[in-house]
Structures are given as C-alpha cells and as structure tokens.
C-alpha cells in the first residue's frame, strides 16, 4: 500500500524550515491504520517480540495496537514526572538541549524480547535513549518498527544489528 498518500506535510512546523510529516491523517483512516498496524504487527511476530515499548506520545499510538494484535504487553516510555512509581532514567541530547526518558522499575524483565515502536525515525535521540534504557534493563531488543523513516538523517545507523521495519521513507525534504 502507498501509505505516503495518507501523510500530510505541514511546512514550517514546529519551526521554520521543518517539513513536518503528520501521521494523524493516516491514523484517522480506520482501514489504512488497521493495515499499517497489521503490517508492523507481523514484523513484531516474526522477530519474536514479547513486549512492545513506545515513547510518549506518538509511540503510544503505534505501539499499543501492535501489542494488542500480538496479545503482549505495552510499556510506555515517558518524559520525566509522568510515571507514578519508581523509574529508571536515560538522559539524551536533542538538537536544542537535553531531555530524559523514564520507564517504571520492573516493567521490563531481564531477557524480555522487546520491540521499539514509534511513528517516525528522525535524528535518533529518542531512539538512542530508549536503546540505552532497555540495554540497562538487560532486555533483548529484537526489532524496531516505524511508520516513517527520514533517511537523510541516518538514525538507522544507531540500530546496528537490530532489525527494522518501516512503512515509508522520505529523502531530502
């Protein structure tokens, strides 16, 4: 399926010069969203995922239905102060500073076969922080699944040997 025809581009958002790829127009279309989730879920099944993680907030949109399809758990990776229990943290660099991601202590067991799910693979800061967080928890990262890869930003290089499934590539824009 040509998923790109369901992605809206918004110029100069959130700052001038950015071509924002808006996934809301894809997820608003039930049959198209269902097909995308099925495709990413099949990848998760093939790599043997027994838990799905996704970063706040669009990773929740992508990861939760994959977990539902596989009948496995979904673990949210959140920004600071959003989880009520004890957390493990990972700080990471962004284009304009640093940020932190957190996960509940005990939500991912050592040896868990984890699939990372998110809407977009861009600069990779969030991805790198999640990988560090998951490795620190002694999880096995079996794959990463994305709707979109902005290939010019080379974030897949951060994944090394981790299998990747992406439904769309965008280059040079």
C-alpha atoms as a PDB file:
ATOM      1  CA  UNK A   1       0.000   0.000   0.000  1.00  0.00           C
ATOM      2  CA  UNK A   2       1.172   3.524  -0.705  1.00  0.00           C
ATOM      3  CA  UNK A   3       0.934   4.914   2.820  1.00  0.00           C
ATOM      4  CA  UNK A   4       2.524   8.197   1.749  1.00  0.00           C
ATOM      5  CA  UNK A   5      -0.724   9.400   0.225  1.00  0.00           C
ATOM      6  CA  UNK A   6      -2.186   9.345   3.742  1.00  0.00           C
ATOM      7  CA  UNK A   7       0.564  11.511   5.273  1.00  0.00           C
ATOM      8  CA  UNK A   8       0.078  15.269   5.342  1.00  0.00           C
ATOM      9  CA  UNK A   9       3.101  17.562   5.161  1.00  0.00           C
ATOM     10  CA  UNK A  10       2.945  20.786   7.146  1.00  0.00           C
ATOM     11  CA  UNK A  11       5.562  23.368   6.219  1.00  0.00           C
ATOM     12  CA  UNK A  12       7.497  25.285   8.864  1.00  0.00           C
ATOM     13  CA  UNK A  13       6.205  23.290  11.826  1.00  0.00           C
ATOM     14  CA  UNK A  14       7.190  23.365  14.656  1.00  0.00           C
ATOM     15  CA  UNK A  15       9.842  25.851  13.485  1.00  0.00           C
ATOM     16  CA  UNK A  16      10.650  27.497  10.144  1.00  0.00           C
ATOM     17  CA  UNK A  17      12.406  25.193   7.674  1.00  0.00           C
ATOM     18  CA  UNK A  18      10.898  21.954   9.020  1.00  0.00           C
ATOM     19  CA  UNK A  19       8.704  19.793   6.752  1.00  0.00           C
ATOM     20  CA  UNK A  20       6.540  18.091   9.394  1.00  0.00           C
ATOM     21  CA  UNK A  21       5.176  14.658   8.456  1.00  0.00           C
ATOM     22  CA  UNK A  22       1.765  14.480  10.098  1.00  0.00           C
ATOM     23  CA  UNK A  23       0.590  10.922  10.787  1.00  0.00           C
ATOM     24  CA  UNK A  24      -2.829  11.974  12.099  1.00  0.00           C
ATOM     25  CA  UNK A  25      -4.281  11.811   8.596  1.00  0.00           C
ATOM     26  CA  UNK A  26      -3.194   8.158   8.385  1.00  0.00           C
ATOM     27  CA  UNK A  27      -4.445   7.124  11.830  1.00  0.00           C
ATOM     28  CA  UNK A  28      -7.778   8.882  11.234  1.00  0.00           C
ATOM     29  CA  UNK A  29      -8.435   6.497   8.336  1.00  0.00           C
ATOM     30  CA  UNK A  30      -9.524   3.267  10.038  1.00  0.00           C
ATOM     31  CA  UNK A  31      -8.857   0.789   7.219  1.00  0.00           C
ATOM     32  CA  UNK A  32      -5.453   2.310   6.370  1.00  0.00           C
ATOM     33  CA  UNK A  33      -4.388   2.490  10.019  1.00  0.00           C
ATOM     34  CA  UNK A  34      -5.518  -1.110  10.504  1.00  0.00           C
ATOM     35  CA  UNK A  35      -3.447  -2.257   7.521  1.00  0.00           C
ATOM     36  CA  UNK A  36      -0.376  -0.382   8.800  1.00  0.00           C
ATOM     37  CA  UNK A  37      -0.763  -1.885  12.273  1.00  0.00           C
ATOM     38  CA  UNK A  38      -1.198  -5.375  10.793  1.00  0.00           C
ATOM     39  CA  UNK A  39       1.973  -4.969   8.746  1.00  0.00           C
ATOM     40  CA  UNK A  40       4.029  -3.765  11.724  1.00  0.00           C
ATOM     41  CA  UNK A  41       2.474  -6.464  13.932  1.00  0.00           C
ATOM     42  CA  UNK A  42       3.524  -9.199  11.525  1.00  0.00           C
ATOM     43  CA  UNK A  43       7.098  -7.911  11.737  1.00  0.00           C
ATOM     44  CA  UNK A  44       6.871  -7.934  15.558  1.00  0.00           C
ATOM     45  CA  UNK A  45       5.606 -11.512  15.441  1.00  0.00           C
ATOM     46  CA  UNK A  46       8.431 -12.612  13.092  1.00  0.00           C
ATOM     47  CA  UNK A  47      11.153 -11.119  15.328  1.00  0.00           C
ATOM     48  CA  UNK A  48       9.589 -12.778  18.384  1.00  0.00           C
ATOM     49  CA  UNK A  49       8.648  -9.720  20.436  1.00  0.00           C
ATOM     50  CA  UNK A  50       7.068 -10.492  23.794  1.00  0.00           C
ATOM     51  CA  UNK A  51       6.729  -6.853  24.864  1.00  0.00           C
ATOM     52  CA  UNK A  52       6.261  -3.633  22.889  1.00  0.00           C
ATOM     53  CA  UNK A  53       7.615  -0.273  24.044  1.00  0.00           C
ATOM     54  CA  UNK A  54       6.866   3.148  22.634  1.00  0.00           C
ATOM     55  CA  UNK A  55       7.911   6.672  23.540  1.00  0.00           C
ATOM     56  CA  UNK A  56       5.498   9.413  24.501  1.00  0.00           C
ATOM     57  CA  UNK A  57       3.237  10.252  22.754  1.00  0.00           C
ATOM     58  CA  UNK A  58       3.039   9.051  19.159  1.00  0.00           C
ATOM     59  CA  UNK A  59       4.864   5.833  20.050  1.00  0.00           C
ATOM     60  CA  UNK A  60       1.802   5.026  22.160  1.00  0.00           C
ATOM     61  CA  UNK A  61      -0.406   5.397  19.065  1.00  0.00           C
ATOM     62  CA  UNK A  62       1.727   2.941  17.097  1.00  0.00           C
ATOM     63  CA  UNK A  63       2.879   0.553  19.821  1.00  0.00           C
ATOM     64  CA  UNK A  64      -0.356  -0.107  21.679  1.00  0.00           C
ATOM     65  CA  UNK A  65      -2.281  -1.623  18.749  1.00  0.00           C
ATOM     66  CA  UNK A  66       0.760  -3.766  17.845  1.00  0.00           C
ATOM     67  CA  UNK A  67       0.821  -5.113  21.410  1.00  0.00           C
ATOM     68  CA  UNK A  68      -2.923  -5.734  21.208  1.00  0.00           C
ATOM     69  CA  UNK A  69      -2.544  -7.657  17.930  1.00  0.00           C
ATOM     70  CA  UNK A  70       0.191  -9.855  19.441  1.00  0.00           C
ATOM     71  CA  UNK A  71      -1.571 -10.196  22.803  1.00  0.00           C
ATOM     72  CA  UNK A  72       1.551  -8.980  24.612  1.00  0.00           C
ATOM     73  CA  UNK A  73       2.126  -6.103  26.982  1.00  0.00           C
ATOM     74  CA  UNK A  74       2.835  -2.498  26.065  1.00  0.00           C
ATOM     75  CA  UNK A  75       5.285  -0.495  28.198  1.00  0.00           C
ATOM     76  CA  UNK A  76       5.180   3.297  27.867  1.00  0.00           C
ATOM     77  CA  UNK A  77       8.457   5.208  27.792  1.00  0.00           C
ATOM     78  CA  UNK A  78       7.636   8.616  29.248  1.00  0.00           C
ATOM     79  CA  UNK A  79       9.049  12.055  29.860  1.00  0.00           C
ATOM     80  CA  UNK A  80      10.018  12.981  33.438  1.00  0.00           C
ATOM     81  CA  UNK A  81       7.325  13.195  36.084  1.00  0.00           C
ATOM     82  CA  UNK A  82       4.657  11.293  34.124  1.00  0.00           C
ATOM     83  CA  UNK A  83       5.027   7.864  35.748  1.00  0.00           C
ATOM     84  CA  UNK A  84       3.759   7.484  39.324  1.00  0.00           C
ATOM     85  CA  UNK A  85       6.124   4.743  40.558  1.00  0.00           C
ATOM     86  CA  UNK A  86       9.871   4.253  40.830  1.00  0.00           C
ATOM     87  CA  UNK A  87      11.589   4.770  37.473  1.00  0.00           C
ATOM     88  CA  UNK A  88      14.792   4.106  35.573  1.00  0.00           C
ATOM     89  CA  UNK A  89      16.019   7.111  33.550  1.00  0.00           C
ATOM     90  CA  UNK A  90      18.053   7.805  30.432  1.00  0.00           C
ATOM     91  CA  UNK A  91      19.217  11.324  29.523  1.00  0.00           C
ATOM     92  CA  UNK A  92      19.816  12.178  25.878  1.00  0.00           C
ATOM     93  CA  UNK A  93      20.905  15.028  23.637  1.00  0.00           C
ATOM     94  CA  UNK A  94      18.488  16.821  21.344  1.00  0.00           C
ATOM     95  CA  UNK A  95      19.100  19.441  18.692  1.00  0.00           C
ATOM     96  CA  UNK A  96      18.459  22.178  21.251  1.00  0.00           C
ATOM     97  CA  UNK A  97      19.417  20.689  24.635  1.00  0.00           C
ATOM     98  CA  UNK A  98      18.894  17.549  26.671  1.00  0.00           C
ATOM     99  CA  UNK A  99      15.872  15.545  27.710  1.00  0.00           C
ATOM    100  CA  UNK A 100      15.129  12.469  29.809  1.00  0.00           C
ATOM    101  CA  UNK A 101      13.093   9.325  29.221  1.00  0.00           C
ATOM    102  CA  UNK A 102      11.768   7.115  32.015  1.00  0.00           C
ATOM    103  CA  UNK A 103      10.261   3.663  32.434  1.00  0.00           C
ATOM    104  CA  UNK A 104       8.790   2.046  35.543  1.00  0.00           C
ATOM    105  CA  UNK A 105      11.152  -0.162  37.515  1.00  0.00           C
ATOM    106  CA  UNK A 106      10.126  -3.786  36.947  1.00  0.00           C
ATOM    107  CA  UNK A 107       8.003  -3.169  33.858  1.00  0.00           C
ATOM    108  CA  UNK A 108      10.583  -4.861  31.614  1.00  0.00           C
ATOM    109  CA  UNK A 109      12.179  -8.055  32.867  1.00  0.00           C
ATOM    110  CA  UNK A 110      15.754  -9.082  32.040  1.00  0.00           C
ATOM    111  CA  UNK A 111      15.711 -11.184  28.868  1.00  0.00           C
ATOM    112  CA  UNK A 112      12.424  -9.713  27.598  1.00  0.00           C
ATOM    113  CA  UNK A 113      12.281  -9.650  23.803  1.00  0.00           C
ATOM    114  CA  UNK A 114      11.402  -6.019  23.160  1.00  0.00           C
ATOM    115  CA  UNK A 115      10.196  -4.287  20.013  1.00  0.00           C
ATOM    116  CA  UNK A 116      10.504  -0.491  19.901  1.00  0.00           C
ATOM    117  CA  UNK A 117       7.555   1.137  18.083  1.00  0.00           C
ATOM    118  CA  UNK A 118       7.263   4.777  17.071  1.00  0.00           C
ATOM    119  CA  UNK A 119       5.783   6.948  14.359  1.00  0.00           C
ATOM    120  CA  UNK A 120       8.941   8.460  12.927  1.00  0.00           C
ATOM    121  CA  UNK A 121      12.654   7.777  12.815  1.00  0.00           C
ATOM    122  CA  UNK A 122      14.455  11.111  12.523  1.00  0.00           C
ATOM    123  CA  UNK A 123      17.604  12.272  14.309  1.00  0.00           C
ATOM    124  CA  UNK A 124      17.550   9.260  16.641  1.00  0.00           C
ATOM    125  CA  UNK A 125      17.973  10.985  20.017  1.00  0.00           C
ATOM    126  CA  UNK A 126      14.887   9.360  21.496  1.00  0.00           C
ATOM    127  CA  UNK A 127      15.786   6.042  19.894  1.00  0.00           C
ATOM    128  CA  UNK A 128      19.307   6.100  21.328  1.00  0.00           C
ATOM    129  CA  UNK A 129      17.953   6.872  24.805  1.00  0.00           C
ATOM    130  CA  UNK A 130      15.450   4.008  24.573  1.00  0.00           C
ATOM    131  CA  UNK A 131      18.145   1.569  23.446  1.00  0.00           C
ATOM    132  CA  UNK A 132      20.366   2.582  26.380  1.00  0.00           C
ATOM    133  CA  UNK A 133      17.432   2.307  28.780  1.00  0.00           C
ATOM    134  CA  UNK A 134      16.440  -1.145  27.510  1.00  0.00           C
ATOM    135  CA  UNK A 135      20.001  -2.472  27.481  1.00  0.00           C
ATOM    136  CA  UNK A 136      20.427  -1.194  31.030  1.00  0.00           C
ATOM    137  CA  UNK A 137      17.377  -3.276  31.970  1.00  0.00           C
ATOM    138  CA  UNK A 138      19.018  -6.281  30.259  1.00  0.00           C
ATOM    139  CA  UNK A 139      16.237  -6.545  27.680  1.00  0.00           C
ATOM    140  CA  UNK A 140      16.881  -8.070  24.267  1.00  0.00           C
ATOM    141  CA  UNK A 141      15.872  -5.568  21.578  1.00  0.00           C
ATOM    142  CA  UNK A 142      14.548  -7.797  18.792  1.00  0.00           C
ATOM    143  CA  UNK A 143      13.348  -5.057  16.449  1.00  0.00           C
ATOM    144  CA  UNK A 144      12.188  -1.528  15.817  1.00  0.00           C
ATOM    145  CA  UNK A 145       9.090  -0.557  13.833  1.00  0.00           C
ATOM    146  CA  UNK A 146       8.236   2.853  12.388  1.00  0.00           C
ATOM    147  CA  UNK A 147       5.683   4.346  10.060  1.00  0.00           C
ATOM    148  CA  UNK A 148       8.226   6.803   8.614  1.00  0.00           C
ATOM    149  CA  UNK A 149      11.997   6.989   8.232  1.00  0.00           C
ATOM    150  CA  UNK A 150      13.606  10.325   7.345  1.00  0.00           C
ATOM    151  CA  UNK A 151      16.506   8.535   5.671  1.00  0.00           C
ATOM    152  CA  UNK A 152      18.768  11.566   5.185  1.00  0.00           C
ATOM    153  CA  UNK A 153      19.158  11.888   8.958  1.00  0.00           C
ATOM    154  CA  UNK A 154      20.841   8.447   9.225  1.00  0.00           C
ATOM    155  CA  UNK A 155      19.226   7.474  12.523  1.00  0.00           C
ATOM    156  CA  UNK A 156      19.030   3.794  11.441  1.00  0.00           C
ATOM    157  CA  UNK A 157      22.811   3.729  11.919  1.00  0.00           C
ATOM    158  CA  UNK A 158      22.083   3.808  15.677  1.00  0.00           C
ATOM    159  CA  UNK A 159      20.250   0.498  15.423  1.00  0.00           C
ATOM    160  CA  UNK A 160      23.267  -1.575  14.398  1.00  0.00           C
ATOM    161  CA  UNK A 161      22.116  -5.200  14.004  1.00  0.00           C
ATOM    162  CA  UNK A 162      18.587  -4.555  15.296  1.00  0.00           C
ATOM    163  CA  UNK A 163      16.059  -5.498  12.576  1.00  0.00           C
ATOM    164  CA  UNK A 164      13.963  -2.542  11.375  1.00  0.00           C
ATOM    165  CA  UNK A 165      10.563  -2.334   9.726  1.00  0.00           C
ATOM    166  CA  UNK A 166       9.437   0.982   8.251  1.00  0.00           C
ATOM    167  CA  UNK A 167       6.462   1.618   6.040  1.00  0.00           C
ATOM    168  CA  UNK A 168       7.680   4.824   4.348  1.00  0.00           C
ATOM    169  CA  UNK A 169      10.951   6.569   3.517  1.00  0.00           C
ATOM    170  CA  UNK A 170      11.304  10.294   2.910  1.00  0.00           C
ATOM    171  CA  UNK A 171      14.517  11.699   1.439  1.00  0.00           C
ATOM    172  CA  UNK A 172      15.879  15.214   1.108  1.00  0.00           C
ATOM    173  CA  UNK A 173      12.855  17.043   2.345  1.00  0.00           C
END
